């Protein structure tokens, strides 16, 4: 694991594992620590990058604006700093909207994106990006069909997956097995 706030405008982040890069983008009012239950599993096959977004956690010192566009630009700056181009991106909740903005504004950055429980603003862009996989569910994060295979082999083939609550297990036990 490594951690950095390199220079004053760089997001604070943790890095785990090795292999193809995977950027995890947390939701509003939480930090990258929300991914702790699944990081070890993902890090067995990926170089996992877990930032705290601008205004959150160890990056709370960074000033506004806190728009999806600014947060996506911050992620691009972090990836450039780490020499990563391109990466798979997983965004949860508001992080899904930010991941989608990242794909739209900086298409060279992402090989694939998976937006889990994205905010409604994310869905309007569904047709604009061929790199996005969207998973919608009510109460079982990480339970989307194909997530385990995506984490091991690349993005699932479908462009949208709807998973009924409780139908595929519960977080974090489903993914951490």
Protein backbone atom coordinates (compact mmCIF):
# COMPACT_ATOMS: atom_id res chain seq x y z
CA UNK A 1 0.00 0.00 0.00
CA UNK A 2 1.20 3.49 -0.72
CA UNK A 3 -0.27 6.84 0.07
CA UNK A 4 0.37 10.33 -1.16
CA UNK A 5 -0.70 13.86 -1.18
CA UNK A 6 2.21 14.60 -3.63
CA UNK A 7 1.71 18.29 -4.25
CA UNK A 8 -0.95 20.51 -2.74
CA UNK A 9 -3.59 20.04 -5.47
CA UNK A 10 -3.25 16.25 -5.80
CA UNK A 11 -5.92 14.02 -4.29
CA UNK A 12 -4.86 11.90 -1.36
CA UNK A 13 -4.95 8.22 -2.32
CA UNK A 14 -4.01 4.68 -1.38
CA UNK A 15 -2.70 2.10 -3.77
CA UNK A 16 -2.85 -1.69 -3.39
CA UNK A 17 -1.78 -4.74 -5.41
CA UNK A 18 -0.44 -5.04 -8.90
CA UNK A 19 -1.77 -5.84 -12.34
CA UNK A 20 -4.13 -3.92 -14.59
CA UNK A 21 -5.15 -0.65 -12.93
CA UNK A 22 -8.57 -0.23 -11.30
CA UNK A 23 -9.70 3.16 -10.00
CA UNK A 24 -12.37 3.08 -7.26
CA UNK A 25 -14.47 6.24 -6.90
CA UNK A 26 -16.46 6.64 -3.69
CA UNK A 27 -19.81 8.36 -3.22
CA UNK A 28 -20.81 11.66 -1.66
CA UNK A 29 -20.05 12.23 2.05
CA UNK A 30 -17.88 9.11 2.41
CA UNK A 31 -14.22 8.38 1.64
CA UNK A 32 -12.23 5.76 -0.21
CA UNK A 33 -12.32 3.75 3.02
CA UNK A 34 -15.80 2.59 1.99
CA UNK A 35 -14.02 0.11 -0.33
CA UNK A 36 -11.88 -1.45 2.46
CA UNK A 37 -13.98 -4.64 2.66
CA UNK A 38 -13.21 -5.50 -0.98
CA UNK A 39 -9.76 -4.02 -1.60
CA UNK A 40 -7.81 -7.15 -0.66
CA UNK A 41 -9.90 -9.24 -3.05
CA UNK A 42 -9.50 -6.78 -5.92
CA UNK A 43 -5.80 -6.25 -5.23
CA UNK A 44 -5.04 -9.92 -5.93
CA UNK A 45 -5.42 -9.20 -9.66
CA UNK A 46 -5.37 -5.40 -9.99
CA UNK A 47 -3.39 -2.32 -9.13
CA UNK A 48 -6.17 -0.69 -7.10
CA UNK A 49 -6.12 3.09 -6.75
CA UNK A 50 -8.43 4.49 -4.07
CA UNK A 51 -8.52 8.30 -3.81
CA UNK A 52 -10.40 10.52 -1.42
CA UNK A 53 -12.27 12.96 -3.66
CA UNK A 54 -11.90 16.72 -3.35
CA UNK A 55 -13.65 17.91 -0.17
CA UNK A 56 -13.68 14.40 1.36
CA UNK A 57 -11.46 12.65 3.90
CA UNK A 58 -7.75 13.33 3.44
CA UNK A 59 -8.52 15.54 0.41
CA UNK A 60 -10.92 17.79 2.32
CA UNK A 61 -8.35 20.63 2.22
CA UNK A 62 -8.86 21.05 -1.54
CA UNK A 63 -11.14 24.02 -2.27
CA UNK A 64 -14.35 24.09 -4.33
CA UNK A 65 -15.77 23.65 -6.87
CA UNK A 66 -17.05 20.15 -6.08
CA UNK A 67 -18.71 19.55 -9.43
CA UNK A 68 -18.58 16.21 -11.25
CA UNK A 69 -16.43 17.89 -13.91
CA UNK A 70 -13.89 19.15 -11.35
CA UNK A 71 -13.79 15.81 -9.54
CA UNK A 72 -13.26 13.98 -12.85
CA UNK A 73 -10.44 16.41 -13.71
CA UNK A 74 -8.87 15.71 -10.29
CA UNK A 75 -8.94 11.98 -11.04
CA UNK A 76 -7.27 12.56 -14.41
CA UNK A 77 -4.53 14.60 -12.71
CA UNK A 78 -4.00 11.78 -10.20
CA UNK A 79 -3.82 9.14 -12.93
CA UNK A 80 -1.35 11.28 -14.89
CA UNK A 81 0.76 11.68 -11.72
CA UNK A 82 0.80 7.87 -11.31
CA UNK A 83 1.59 7.30 -15.00
CA UNK A 84 -1.63 5.33 -15.52
CA UNK A 85 -3.27 5.47 -18.92
CA UNK A 86 -5.79 3.89 -19.28
CA UNK A 87 -7.61 2.24 -16.35
CA UNK A 88 -10.85 0.52 -15.49
CA UNK A 89 -13.04 2.72 -13.29
CA UNK A 90 -15.62 1.67 -10.73
CA UNK A 91 -17.84 4.35 -9.23
CA UNK A 92 -20.37 3.86 -6.44
CA UNK A 93 -23.36 6.19 -5.94
CA UNK A 94 -22.24 9.76 -6.71
CA UNK A 95 -18.90 8.18 -7.62
CA UNK A 96 -20.80 6.57 -10.51
CA UNK A 97 -21.72 10.00 -11.83
CA UNK A 98 -18.12 11.12 -11.43
CA UNK A 99 -16.84 7.98 -13.19
CA UNK A 100 -19.24 8.64 -16.07
CA UNK A 101 -18.10 12.28 -16.25
CA UNK A 102 -14.51 11.03 -16.34
CA UNK A 103 -15.30 8.78 -19.31
CA UNK A 104 -17.14 11.57 -21.13
CA UNK A 105 -14.62 14.35 -20.49
CA UNK A 106 -11.42 12.28 -20.68
CA UNK A 107 -12.13 9.25 -22.88
CA UNK A 108 -8.48 8.21 -23.11
CA UNK A 109 -8.41 7.57 -19.36
CA UNK A 110 -10.86 4.65 -19.09
CA UNK A 111 -10.83 1.21 -20.67
CA UNK A 112 -14.16 0.42 -18.97
CA UNK A 113 -16.36 1.85 -16.27
CA UNK A 114 -18.85 0.24 -13.93
CA UNK A 115 -21.27 2.54 -12.16
CA UNK A 116 -22.89 0.92 -9.13
CA UNK A 117 -26.04 2.59 -7.77
CA UNK A 118 -25.30 5.75 -9.78
CA UNK A 119 -27.16 8.95 -9.15
CA UNK A 120 -29.98 9.75 -11.61
CA UNK A 121 -27.88 12.31 -13.50
CA UNK A 122 -25.61 9.48 -14.64
CA UNK A 123 -28.35 7.67 -16.57
CA UNK A 124 -28.86 10.47 -19.08
CA UNK A 125 -25.40 9.70 -20.49
CA UNK A 126 -25.93 5.96 -20.94
CA UNK A 127 -26.03 6.14 -24.72
CA UNK A 128 -23.07 8.51 -25.01
CA UNK A 129 -20.36 6.11 -23.85
CA UNK A 130 -19.64 2.64 -25.14
CA UNK A 131 -17.22 2.05 -22.26
CA UNK A 132 -19.78 2.14 -19.47
CA UNK A 133 -21.49 -0.72 -17.73
CA UNK A 134 -24.28 0.31 -15.39
CA UNK A 135 -25.58 -1.75 -12.52
CA UNK A 136 -28.78 -0.65 -10.80
CA UNK A 137 -30.13 -2.09 -7.61
CA UNK A 138 -31.95 -0.96 -4.52
CA UNK A 139 -30.09 -2.34 -1.55
CA UNK A 140 -27.36 -4.80 -2.49
CA UNK A 141 -24.22 -2.95 -3.55
CA UNK A 142 -21.64 -4.95 -5.49
CA UNK A 143 -24.21 -7.60 -6.33
CA UNK A 144 -24.46 -6.82 -10.01
CA UNK A 145 -24.38 -9.68 -12.43
CA UNK A 146 -20.94 -10.05 -13.89
CA UNK A 147 -19.11 -8.02 -11.22
CA UNK A 148 -16.95 -10.95 -10.10
CA UNK A 149 -16.01 -11.77 -13.69
CA UNK A 150 -15.45 -8.07 -14.43
CA UNK A 151 -13.07 -7.78 -11.50
CA UNK A 152 -11.11 -10.77 -12.82
CA UNK A 153 -11.37 -10.58 -16.61
CA UNK A 154 -12.63 -7.20 -17.80
CA UNK A 155 -15.99 -5.53 -18.16
CA UNK A 156 -19.14 -7.62 -18.61
CA UNK A 157 -20.63 -7.57 -22.08
CA UNK A 158 -24.02 -6.07 -21.27
CA UNK A 159 -24.53 -2.32 -21.24
CA UNK A 160 -26.95 -2.35 -18.32
CA UNK A 161 -27.78 -4.86 -15.64
CA UNK A 162 -30.71 -4.69 -13.24
CA UNK A 163 -30.36 -6.85 -10.16
CA UNK A 164 -33.29 -7.24 -7.76
CA UNK A 165 -32.41 -6.55 -4.11
CA UNK A 166 -31.12 -9.64 -2.33
CA UNK A 167 -31.04 -11.79 -5.44
CA UNK A 168 -27.28 -12.17 -5.69
CA UNK A 169 -26.04 -12.00 -2.09
CA UNK A 170 -25.09 -9.03 0.00
CA UNK A 171 -22.17 -6.68 0.25
CA UNK A 172 -19.37 -7.23 1.17
CA UNK A 173 -19.59 -11.02 1.51
CA UNK A 174 -20.57 -11.61 -2.13
CA UNK A 175 -17.53 -9.89 -3.57
CA UNK A 176 -15.01 -10.67 -0.84
CA UNK A 177 -15.29 -14.47 -1.18
